Amino acid sequence: MRLALIPIAGKQVARRSPEAACTIEFLGGSSAGDWTDQVVALRQLLNQFDPHTHPDSLAAGHAYVDLLEHLY
């Protein structure tokens, strides 16, 4: 479930939603700072997963966070 919520948190970050901070904290990350810090937190959350367990989902998650990082 945590892995599935990371793109949702990323969407909230992209929209500059105040809910992004709550979602990131719910996932176990630190949401302090601006959107760039939140993107870093999402990447750190993704790095906590075993790459052999869900390789396709992790690759998609990393691609999404990469895209989010380059939006601004």
PDB file of N, CA and C in Angstrom:
ATOM      1  N   MET A   1       0.811  -1.181   0.000  1.00  0.00           N
ATOM      2  CA  MET A   1       0.000   0.000   0.000  1.00  0.00           C
ATOM      3  C   MET A   1       0.869   1.266   0.000  1.00  0.00           C
ATOM      4  N   ARG A   2       1.971   1.220   0.739  1.00  0.00           N
ATOM      5  CA  ARG A   2       2.851   2.396   0.792  1.00  0.00           C
ATOM      6  C   ARG A   2       3.373   2.741  -0.593  1.00  0.00           C
ATOM      7  N   LEU A   3       3.763   1.728  -1.343  1.00  0.00           N
ATOM      8  CA  LEU A   3       4.304   1.969  -2.677  1.00  0.00           C
ATOM      9  C   LEU A   3       3.252   2.592  -3.589  1.00  0.00           C
ATOM     10  N   ALA A   4       2.024   2.168  -3.467  1.00  0.00           N
ATOM     11  CA  ALA A   4       0.945   2.701  -4.297  1.00  0.00           C
ATOM     12  C   ALA A   4       0.602   4.144  -3.947  1.00  0.00           C
ATOM     13  N   LEU A   5       0.871   4.555  -2.720  1.00  0.00           N
ATOM     14  CA  LEU A   5       0.546   5.921  -2.299  1.00  0.00           C
ATOM     15  C   LEU A   5       1.610   6.947  -2.697  1.00  0.00           C
ATOM     16  N   ILE A   6       2.791   6.500  -3.068  1.00  0.00           N
ATOM     17  CA  ILE A   6       3.846   7.448  -3.426  1.00  0.00           C
ATOM     18  C   ILE A   6       3.470   8.282  -4.656  1.00  0.00           C
ATOM     19  N   PRO A   7       2.944   7.680  -5.735  1.00  0.00           N
ATOM     20  CA  PRO A   7       2.518   8.533  -6.858  1.00  0.00           C
ATOM     21  C   PRO A   7       1.371   9.479  -6.493  1.00  0.00           C
ATOM     22  N   ILE A   8       0.511   9.061  -5.592  1.00  0.00           N
ATOM     23  CA  ILE A   8      -0.570   9.940  -5.145  1.00  0.00           C
ATOM     24  C   ILE A   8       0.014  11.144  -4.406  1.00  0.00           C
ATOM     25  N   ALA A   9       0.983  10.887  -3.545  1.00  0.00           N
ATOM     26  CA  ALA A   9       1.658  11.990  -2.853  1.00  0.00           C
ATOM     27  C   ALA A   9       2.364  12.887  -3.870  1.00  0.00           C
ATOM     28  N   GLY A  10       2.955  12.287  -4.895  1.00  0.00           N
ATOM     29  CA  GLY A  10       3.611  13.070  -5.946  1.00  0.00           C
ATOM     30  C   GLY A  10       2.633  13.966  -6.679  1.00  0.00           C
ATOM     31  N   LYS A  11       1.444  13.469  -6.930  1.00  0.00           N
ATOM     32  CA  LYS A  11       0.407  14.277  -7.571  1.00  0.00           C
ATOM     33  C   LYS A  11       0.020  15.448  -6.674  1.00  0.00           C
ATOM     34  N   GLN A  12      -0.052  15.198  -5.381  1.00  0.00           N
ATOM     35  CA  GLN A  12      -0.365  16.268  -4.444  1.00  0.00           C
ATOM     36  C   GLN A  12       0.751  17.317  -4.416  1.00  0.00           C
ATOM     37  N   VAL A  13       1.985  16.854  -4.478  1.00  0.00           N
ATOM     38  CA  VAL A  13       3.124  17.784  -4.516  1.00  0.00           C
ATOM     39  C   VAL A  13       3.049  18.639  -5.780  1.00  0.00           C
ATOM     40  N   ALA A  14       2.763  18.005  -6.905  1.00  0.00           N
ATOM     41  CA  ALA A  14       2.691  18.731  -8.173  1.00  0.00           C
ATOM     42  C   ALA A  14       1.602  19.790  -8.144  1.00  0.00           C
ATOM     43  N   ARG A  15       0.531  19.513  -7.443  1.00  0.00           N
ATOM     44  CA  ARG A  15      -0.576  20.466  -7.342  1.00  0.00           C
ATOM     45  C   ARG A  15      -0.379  21.471  -6.212  1.00  0.00           C
ATOM     46  N   ARG A  16       0.728  21.326  -5.507  1.00  0.00           N
ATOM     47  CA  ARG A  16       1.031  22.175  -4.348  1.00  0.00           C
ATOM     48  C   ARG A  16      -0.069  22.069  -3.284  1.00  0.00           C
ATOM     49  N   SER A  17      -0.621  20.893  -3.165  1.00  0.00           N
ATOM     50  CA  SER A  17      -1.684  20.655  -2.191  1.00  0.00           C
ATOM     51  C   SER A  17      -1.102  20.574  -0.782  1.00  0.00           C
ATOM     52  N   PRO A  18      -1.760  21.184   0.186  1.00  0.00           N
ATOM     53  CA  PRO A  18      -1.289  21.064   1.570  1.00  0.00           C
ATOM     54  C   PRO A  18      -1.408  19.628   2.097  1.00  0.00           C
ATOM     55  N   GLU A  19      -2.204  18.801   1.429  1.00  0.00           N
ATOM     56  CA  GLU A  19      -2.345  17.404   1.826  1.00  0.00           C
ATOM     57  C   GLU A  19      -1.089  16.591   1.528  1.00  0.00           C
ATOM     58  N   ALA A  20      -0.225  17.097   0.664  1.00  0.00           N
ATOM     59  CA  ALA A  20       0.999  16.373   0.316  1.00  0.00           C
ATOM     60  C   ALA A  20       1.844  16.101   1.554  1.00  0.00           C
ATOM     61  N   ALA A  21       1.969  17.099   2.400  1.00  0.00           N
ATOM     62  CA  ALA A  21       2.776  16.937   3.614  1.00  0.00           C
ATOM     63  C   ALA A  21       2.212  15.837   4.502  1.00  0.00           C
ATOM     64  N   CYS A  22       0.896  15.803   4.648  1.00  0.00           N
ATOM     65  CA  CYS A  22       0.259  14.768   5.480  1.00  0.00           C
ATOM     66  C   CYS A  22       0.475  13.378   4.883  1.00  0.00           C
ATOM     67  N   THR A  23       0.351  13.264   3.573  1.00  0.00           N
ATOM     68  CA  THR A  23       0.527  11.961   2.925  1.00  0.00           C
ATOM     69  C   THR A  23       1.968  11.484   3.054  1.00  0.00           C
ATOM     70  N   ILE A  24       2.907  12.378   2.856  1.00  0.00           N
ATOM     71  CA  ILE A  24       4.321  12.005   2.970  1.00  0.00           C
ATOM     72  C   ILE A  24       4.637  11.573   4.401  1.00  0.00           C
ATOM     73  N   GLU A  25       4.117  12.288   5.369  1.00  0.00           N
ATOM     74  CA  GLU A  25       4.331  11.898   6.770  1.00  0.00           C
ATOM     75  C   GLU A  25       3.677  10.559   7.075  1.00  0.00           C
ATOM     76  N   PHE A  26       2.487  10.321   6.522  1.00  0.00           N
ATOM     77  CA  PHE A  26       1.805   9.041   6.702  1.00  0.00           C
ATOM     78  C   PHE A  26       2.652   7.890   6.169  1.00  0.00           C
ATOM     79  N   LEU A  27       3.356   8.151   5.077  1.00  0.00           N
ATOM     80  CA  LEU A  27       4.206   7.122   4.466  1.00  0.00           C
ATOM     81  C   LEU A  27       5.525   6.927   5.212  1.00  0.00           C
ATOM     82  N   GLY A  28       5.808   7.814   6.160  1.00  0.00           N
ATOM     83  CA  GLY A  28       7.030   7.666   6.940  1.00  0.00           C
ATOM     84  C   GLY A  28       8.133   8.609   6.542  1.00  0.00           C
ATOM     85  N   GLY A  29       7.837   9.554   5.673  1.00  0.00           N
ATOM     86  CA  GLY A  29       8.841  10.505   5.226  1.00  0.00           C
ATOM     87  C   GLY A  29       8.735  11.821   5.963  1.00  0.00           C
ATOM     88  N   SER A  30       9.693  12.673   5.711  1.00  0.00           N
ATOM     89  CA  SER A  30       9.705  14.004   6.303  1.00  0.00           C
ATOM     90  C   SER A  30       9.191  14.993   5.269  1.00  0.00           C
ATOM     91  N   SER A  31       8.172  15.745   5.633  1.00  0.00           N
ATOM     92  CA  SER A  31       7.577  16.669   4.678  1.00  0.00           C
ATOM     93  C   SER A  31       7.971  18.113   4.939  1.00  0.00           C
ATOM     94  N   ALA A  32       8.941  18.327   5.800  1.00  0.00           N
ATOM     95  CA  ALA A  32       9.362  19.694   6.115  1.00  0.00           C
ATOM     96  C   ALA A  32       9.999  20.336   4.887  1.00  0.00           C
ATOM     97  N   GLY A  33       9.741  21.599   4.713  1.00  0.00           N
ATOM     98  CA  GLY A  33      10.349  22.325   3.603  1.00  0.00           C
ATOM     99  C   GLY A  33       9.388  22.538   2.461  1.00  0.00           C
ATOM    100  N   ASP A  34       9.943  22.949   1.325  1.00  0.00           N
ATOM    101  CA  ASP A  34       9.115  23.236   0.167  1.00  0.00           C
ATOM    102  C   ASP A  34       8.929  21.990  -0.696  1.00  0.00           C
ATOM    103  N   TRP A  35       8.419  22.184  -1.901  1.00  0.00           N
ATOM    104  CA  TRP A  35       8.118  21.044  -2.761  1.00  0.00           C
ATOM    105  C   TRP A  35       9.365  20.258  -3.146  1.00  0.00           C
ATOM    106  N   THR A  36      10.508  20.927  -3.269  1.00  0.00           N
ATOM    107  CA  THR A  36      11.724  20.192  -3.632  1.00  0.00           C
ATOM    108  C   THR A  36      12.121  19.219  -2.524  1.00  0.00           C
ATOM    109  N   ASP A  37      11.928  19.630  -1.273  1.00  0.00           N
ATOM    110  CA  ASP A  37      12.202  18.729  -0.153  1.00  0.00           C
ATOM    111  C   ASP A  37      11.220  17.558  -0.138  1.00  0.00           C
ATOM    112  N   GLN A  38       9.987  17.830  -0.546  1.00  0.00           N
ATOM    113  CA  GLN A  38       8.996  16.760  -0.600  1.00  0.00           C
ATOM    114  C   GLN A  38       9.330  15.751  -1.698  1.00  0.00           C
ATOM    115  N   VAL A  39       9.854  16.230  -2.815  1.00  0.00           N
ATOM    116  CA  VAL A  39      10.283  15.320  -3.890  1.00  0.00           C
ATOM    117  C   VAL A  39      11.435  14.445  -3.401  1.00  0.00           C
ATOM    118  N   VAL A  40      12.372  15.039  -2.682  1.00  0.00           N
ATOM    119  CA  VAL A  40      13.483  14.276  -2.113  1.00  0.00           C
ATOM    120  C   VAL A  40      12.944  13.221  -1.148  1.00  0.00           C
ATOM    121  N   ALA A  41      11.961  13.593  -0.343  1.00  0.00           N
ATOM    122  CA  ALA A  41      11.374  12.650   0.608  1.00  0.00           C
ATOM    123  C   ALA A  41      10.710  11.483  -0.128  1.00  0.00           C
ATOM    124  N   LEU A  42      10.030  11.767  -1.234  1.00  0.00           N
ATOM    125  CA  LEU A  42       9.407  10.690  -2.007  1.00  0.00           C
ATOM    126  C   LEU A  42      10.464   9.747  -2.581  1.00  0.00           C
ATOM    127  N   ARG A  43      11.557  10.322  -3.063  1.00  0.00           N
ATOM    128  CA  ARG A  43      12.640   9.480  -3.603  1.00  0.00           C
ATOM    129  C   ARG A  43      13.238   8.602  -2.500  1.00  0.00           C
ATOM    130  N   GLN A  44      13.410   9.166  -1.311  1.00  0.00           N
ATOM    131  CA  GLN A  44      13.930   8.386  -0.186  1.00  0.00           C
ATOM    132  C   GLN A  44      12.977   7.263   0.196  1.00  0.00           C
ATOM    133  N   LEU A  45      11.689   7.540   0.150  1.00  0.00           N
ATOM    134  CA  LEU A  45      10.706   6.498   0.440  1.00  0.00           C
ATOM    135  C   LEU A  45      10.785   5.373  -0.589  1.00  0.00           C
ATOM    136  N   LEU A  46      10.927   5.734  -1.845  1.00  0.00           N
ATOM    137  CA  LEU A  46      11.057   4.707  -2.898  1.00  0.00           C
ATOM    138  C   LEU A  46      12.301   3.848  -2.687  1.00  0.00           C
ATOM    139  N   ASN A  47      13.373   4.475  -2.231  1.00  0.00           N
ATOM    140  CA  ASN A  47      14.627   3.743  -2.040  1.00  0.00           C
ATOM    141  C   ASN A  47      14.573   2.757  -0.875  1.00  0.00           C
ATOM    142  N   GLN A  48      13.538   2.828  -0.055  1.00  0.00           N
ATOM    143  CA  GLN A  48      13.403   1.900   1.064  1.00  0.00           C
ATOM    144  C   GLN A  48      12.887   0.527   0.635  1.00  0.00           C
ATOM    145  N   PHE A  49      12.328   0.445  -0.566  1.00  0.00           N
ATOM    146  CA  PHE A  49      11.750  -0.810  -1.033  1.00  0.00           C
ATOM    147  C   PHE A  49      12.816  -1.698  -1.672  1.00  0.00           C
ATOM    148  N   ASP A  50      12.644  -3.002  -1.515  1.00  0.00           N
ATOM    149  CA  ASP A  50      13.537  -3.974  -2.136  1.00  0.00           C
ATOM    150  C   ASP A  50      13.291  -3.967  -3.647  1.00  0.00           C
ATOM    151  N   PRO A  51      14.307  -3.664  -4.448  1.00  0.00           N
ATOM    152  CA  PRO A  51      14.101  -3.569  -5.895  1.00  0.00           C
ATOM    153  C   PRO A  51      13.735  -4.894  -6.554  1.00  0.00           C
ATOM    154  N   HIS A  52      13.947  -5.997  -5.859  1.00  0.00           N
ATOM    155  CA  HIS A  52      13.625  -7.303  -6.433  1.00  0.00           C
ATOM    156  C   HIS A  52      12.175  -7.709  -6.166  1.00  0.00           C
ATOM    157  N   THR A  53      11.534  -7.025  -5.233  1.00  0.00           N
ATOM    158  CA  THR A  53      10.169  -7.393  -4.868  1.00  0.00           C
ATOM    159  C   THR A  53       9.151  -6.884  -5.880  1.00  0.00           C
ATOM    160  N   HIS A  54       9.239  -5.614  -6.235  1.00  0.00           N
ATOM    161  CA  HIS A  54       8.301  -4.994  -7.170  1.00  0.00           C
ATOM    162  C   HIS A  54       9.072  -4.157  -8.190  1.00  0.00           C
ATOM    163  N   PRO A  55       9.862  -4.787  -9.047  1.00  0.00           N
ATOM    164  CA  PRO A  55      10.730  -4.001  -9.939  1.00  0.00           C
ATOM    165  C   PRO A  55       9.969  -3.062 -10.875  1.00  0.00           C
ATOM    166  N   ASP A  56       8.856  -3.501 -11.434  1.00  0.00           N
ATOM    167  CA  ASP A  56       8.119  -2.649 -12.364  1.00  0.00           C
ATOM    168  C   ASP A  56       7.475  -1.463 -11.652  1.00  0.00           C
ATOM    169  N   SER A  57       6.899  -1.718 -10.493  1.00  0.00           N
ATOM    170  CA  SER A  57       6.268  -0.638  -9.725  1.00  0.00           C
ATOM    171  C   SER A  57       7.305   0.369  -9.256  1.00  0.00           C
ATOM    172  N   LEU A  58       8.454  -0.108  -8.831  1.00  0.00           N
ATOM    173  CA  LEU A  58       9.510   0.805  -8.392  1.00  0.00           C
ATOM    174  C   LEU A  58      10.052   1.625  -9.556  1.00  0.00           C
ATOM    175  N   ALA A  59      10.219   0.988 -10.707  1.00  0.00           N
ATOM    176  CA  ALA A  59      10.693   1.720 -11.885  1.00  0.00           C
ATOM    177  C   ALA A  59       9.699   2.807 -12.266  1.00  0.00           C
ATOM    178  N   ALA A  60       8.414   2.489 -12.209  1.00  0.00           N
ATOM    179  CA  ALA A  60       7.386   3.487 -12.520  1.00  0.00           C
ATOM    180  C   ALA A  60       7.394   4.605 -11.484  1.00  0.00           C
ATOM    181  N   GLY A  61       7.548   4.251 -10.221  1.00  0.00           N
ATOM    182  CA  GLY A  61       7.599   5.255  -9.161  1.00  0.00           C
ATOM    183  C   GLY A  61       8.775   6.197  -9.334  1.00  0.00           C
ATOM    184  N   HIS A  62       9.939   5.638  -9.647  1.00  0.00           N
ATOM    185  CA  HIS A  62      11.125   6.476  -9.867  1.00  0.00           C
ATOM    186  C   HIS A  62      10.952   7.365 -11.095  1.00  0.00           C
ATOM    187  N   ALA A  63      10.356   6.826 -12.148  1.00  0.00           N
ATOM    188  CA  ALA A  63      10.123   7.636 -13.348  1.00  0.00           C
ATOM    189  C   ALA A  63       9.168   8.781 -13.048  1.00  0.00           C
ATOM    190  N   TYR A  64       8.156   8.505 -12.240  1.00  0.00           N
ATOM    191  CA  TYR A  64       7.199   9.550 -11.875  1.00  0.00           C
ATOM    192  C   TYR A  64       7.868  10.645 -11.053  1.00  0.00           C
ATOM    193  N   VAL A  65       8.681  10.255 -10.088  1.00  0.00           N
ATOM    194  CA  VAL A  65       9.369  11.255  -9.256  1.00  0.00           C
ATOM    195  C   VAL A  65      10.377  12.028 -10.102  1.00  0.00           C
ATOM    196  N   ASP A  66      11.040  11.372 -11.047  1.00  0.00           N
ATOM    197  CA  ASP A  66      11.943  12.082 -11.972  1.00  0.00           C
ATOM    198  C   ASP A  66      11.188  13.144 -12.759  1.00  0.00           C
ATOM    199  N   LEU A  67      10.029  12.769 -13.274  1.00  0.00           N
ATOM    200  CA  LEU A  67       9.204  13.704 -14.029  1.00  0.00           C
ATOM    201  C   LEU A  67       8.764  14.877 -13.149  1.00  0.00           C
ATOM    202  N   LEU A  68       8.356  14.565 -11.955  1.00  0.00           N
ATOM    203  CA  LEU A  68       7.931  15.595 -11.014  1.00  0.00           C
ATOM    204  C   LEU A  68       9.073  16.556 -10.713  1.00  0.00           C
ATOM    205  N   GLU A  69      10.263  16.002 -10.568  1.00  0.00           N
ATOM    206  CA  GLU A  69      11.435  16.822 -10.264  1.00  0.00           C
ATOM    207  C   GLU A  69      11.759  17.801 -11.394  1.00  0.00           C
ATOM    208  N   HIS A  70      11.500  17.390 -12.624  1.00  0.00           N
ATOM    209  CA  HIS A  70      11.848  18.222 -13.779  1.00  0.00           C
ATOM    210  C   HIS A  70      10.723  19.159 -14.212  1.00  0.00           C
ATOM    211  N   LEU A  71       9.595  19.095 -13.529  1.00  0.00           N
ATOM    212  CA  LEU A  71       8.490  19.984 -13.892  1.00  0.00           C
ATOM    213  C   LEU A  71       8.780  21.438 -13.579  1.00  0.00           C
ATOM    214  N   TYR A  72       9.542  21.654 -12.525  1.00  0.00           N
ATOM    215  CA  TYR A  72       9.699  23.031 -12.064  1.00  0.00           C
ATOM    216  C   TYR A  72      11.132  23.483 -12.159  1.00  0.00           C
TER     217      TYR A  72
END
